C-alpha cells in the first residue's frame, strides 16, 4: 500500500493517509467528468469509474475490479484516470 500512496503523492502532490484524503481524489475524478462507482459487500470491494470519452476503466481490460479495501480502489482508479489524462486520452 505504501507504493500506492507514494505514487499518489508524486502524481497529485499530496499524501493520502485516510479516507478523507482519498475522497479528494474522488472529487478530482468528478471534476473531470468521471462517474465513480463504489460497491462494497462481504468479500467484495469494487471501485470503478466511467467517462463519456473513454467508457468504464476496468471494462476496457475485461476485468471486474476487486480490491482489498475501498481506499486501495480509489487510489488505483485515480492513478489510472490520471495516466489517461497525461496520455491525452481524456
Protein backbone atom coordinates (compact mmCIF):
# COMPACT_ATOMS: atom_id res chain seq x y z
CA UNK A 1 0.00 0.00 0.00
CA UNK A 2 2.93 2.33 0.65
CA UNK A 3 3.92 2.17 -3.04
CA UNK A 4 0.41 3.22 -4.00
CA UNK A 5 0.31 6.16 -1.61
CA UNK A 6 3.75 7.26 -2.82
CA UNK A 7 2.55 7.21 -6.43
CA UNK A 8 -0.40 9.38 -5.41
CA UNK A 9 1.96 11.84 -3.73
CA UNK A 10 4.09 12.00 -6.87
CA UNK A 11 1.18 12.43 -9.31
CA UNK A 12 -1.21 14.56 -7.25
CA UNK A 13 1.13 16.42 -4.92
CA UNK A 14 -0.31 15.40 -1.58
CA UNK A 15 0.00 12.49 0.84
CA UNK A 16 -3.01 10.22 1.28
CA UNK A 17 -3.33 8.96 4.84
CA UNK A 18 -7.01 8.16 5.26
CA UNK A 19 -10.40 8.10 3.53
CA UNK A 20 -10.81 11.87 3.88
CA UNK A 21 -7.66 12.29 1.80
CA UNK A 22 -8.77 9.60 -0.65
CA UNK A 23 -12.08 11.37 -1.11
CA UNK A 24 -10.16 14.34 -2.51
CA UNK A 25 -9.31 12.01 -5.39
CA UNK A 26 -12.97 11.12 -5.89
CA UNK A 27 -13.68 14.87 -6.07
CA UNK A 28 -10.84 15.25 -8.58
CA UNK A 29 -12.35 12.49 -10.73
CA UNK A 30 -15.81 14.03 -10.56
CA UNK A 31 -14.45 17.45 -11.58
CA UNK A 32 -13.01 15.86 -14.72
CA UNK A 33 -16.24 14.20 -15.76
CA UNK A 34 -15.76 10.75 -14.24
CA UNK A 35 -18.62 8.89 -12.59
CA UNK A 36 -17.23 6.85 -9.71
CA UNK A 37 -18.83 3.56 -8.70
CA UNK A 38 -18.10 2.18 -5.24
CA UNK A 39 -19.59 -1.18 -4.28
CA UNK A 40 -18.91 -2.88 -1.01
CA UNK A 41 -20.17 -6.21 0.25
CA UNK A 42 -18.78 -9.17 2.10
CA UNK A 43 -15.65 -10.25 0.20
CA UNK A 44 -16.22 -7.57 -2.44
CA UNK A 45 -14.63 -4.12 -2.56
CA UNK A 46 -15.18 -2.71 -6.03
CA UNK A 47 -14.26 0.75 -7.28
CA UNK A 48 -14.59 1.68 -10.94
CA UNK A 49 -15.11 4.85 -12.94
CA UNK A 50 -16.84 5.73 -16.21
CA UNK A 51 -16.12 8.65 -18.53
CA UNK A 52 -18.14 9.58 -21.61
CA UNK A 53 -14.97 9.85 -23.72
CA UNK A 54 -13.49 6.57 -22.51
CA UNK A 55 -16.09 4.28 -21.02
CA UNK A 56 -15.58 2.23 -17.91
CA UNK A 57 -11.98 1.90 -16.76
CA UNK A 58 -11.89 -1.78 -15.99
CA UNK A 59 -14.31 -2.90 -18.70
CA UNK A 60 -11.67 -1.76 -21.19
CA UNK A 61 -9.48 -4.55 -19.85
CA UNK A 62 -12.28 -7.10 -19.37
CA UNK A 63 -11.78 -7.09 -15.61
CA UNK A 64 -14.04 -6.76 -12.61
CA UNK A 65 -12.07 -4.77 -10.05
CA UNK A 66 -12.00 -6.25 -6.56
CA UNK A 67 -9.65 -4.55 -4.11
CA UNK A 68 -8.59 -5.35 -0.56
CA UNK A 69 -10.19 -2.06 0.51
CA UNK A 70 -12.20 0.84 -0.90
CA UNK A 71 -9.21 3.04 -0.03
CA UNK A 72 -6.95 1.00 -2.31
CA UNK A 73 -9.59 1.05 -5.05
CA UNK A 74 -9.97 4.83 -5.01
CA UNK A 75 -6.22 5.34 -5.22
CA UNK A 76 -5.85 2.86 -8.07
CA UNK A 77 -8.74 4.33 -10.07
CA UNK A 78 -7.41 7.86 -9.63
CA UNK A 79 -3.96 6.82 -10.85
CA UNK A 80 -5.42 5.11 -13.91
CA UNK A 81 -7.52 8.16 -14.76
CA UNK A 82 -4.51 10.45 -14.26
CA UNK A 83 -2.47 8.26 -16.63
CA UNK A 84 -5.18 8.51 -19.30
CA UNK A 85 -5.27 12.27 -18.86
CA UNK A 86 -1.48 12.54 -19.17
CA UNK A 87 -1.58 10.49 -22.38
CA UNK A 88 -4.25 12.82 -23.80
CA UNK A 89 -6.88 10.09 -23.98
CA UNK A 90 -9.40 12.03 -21.86
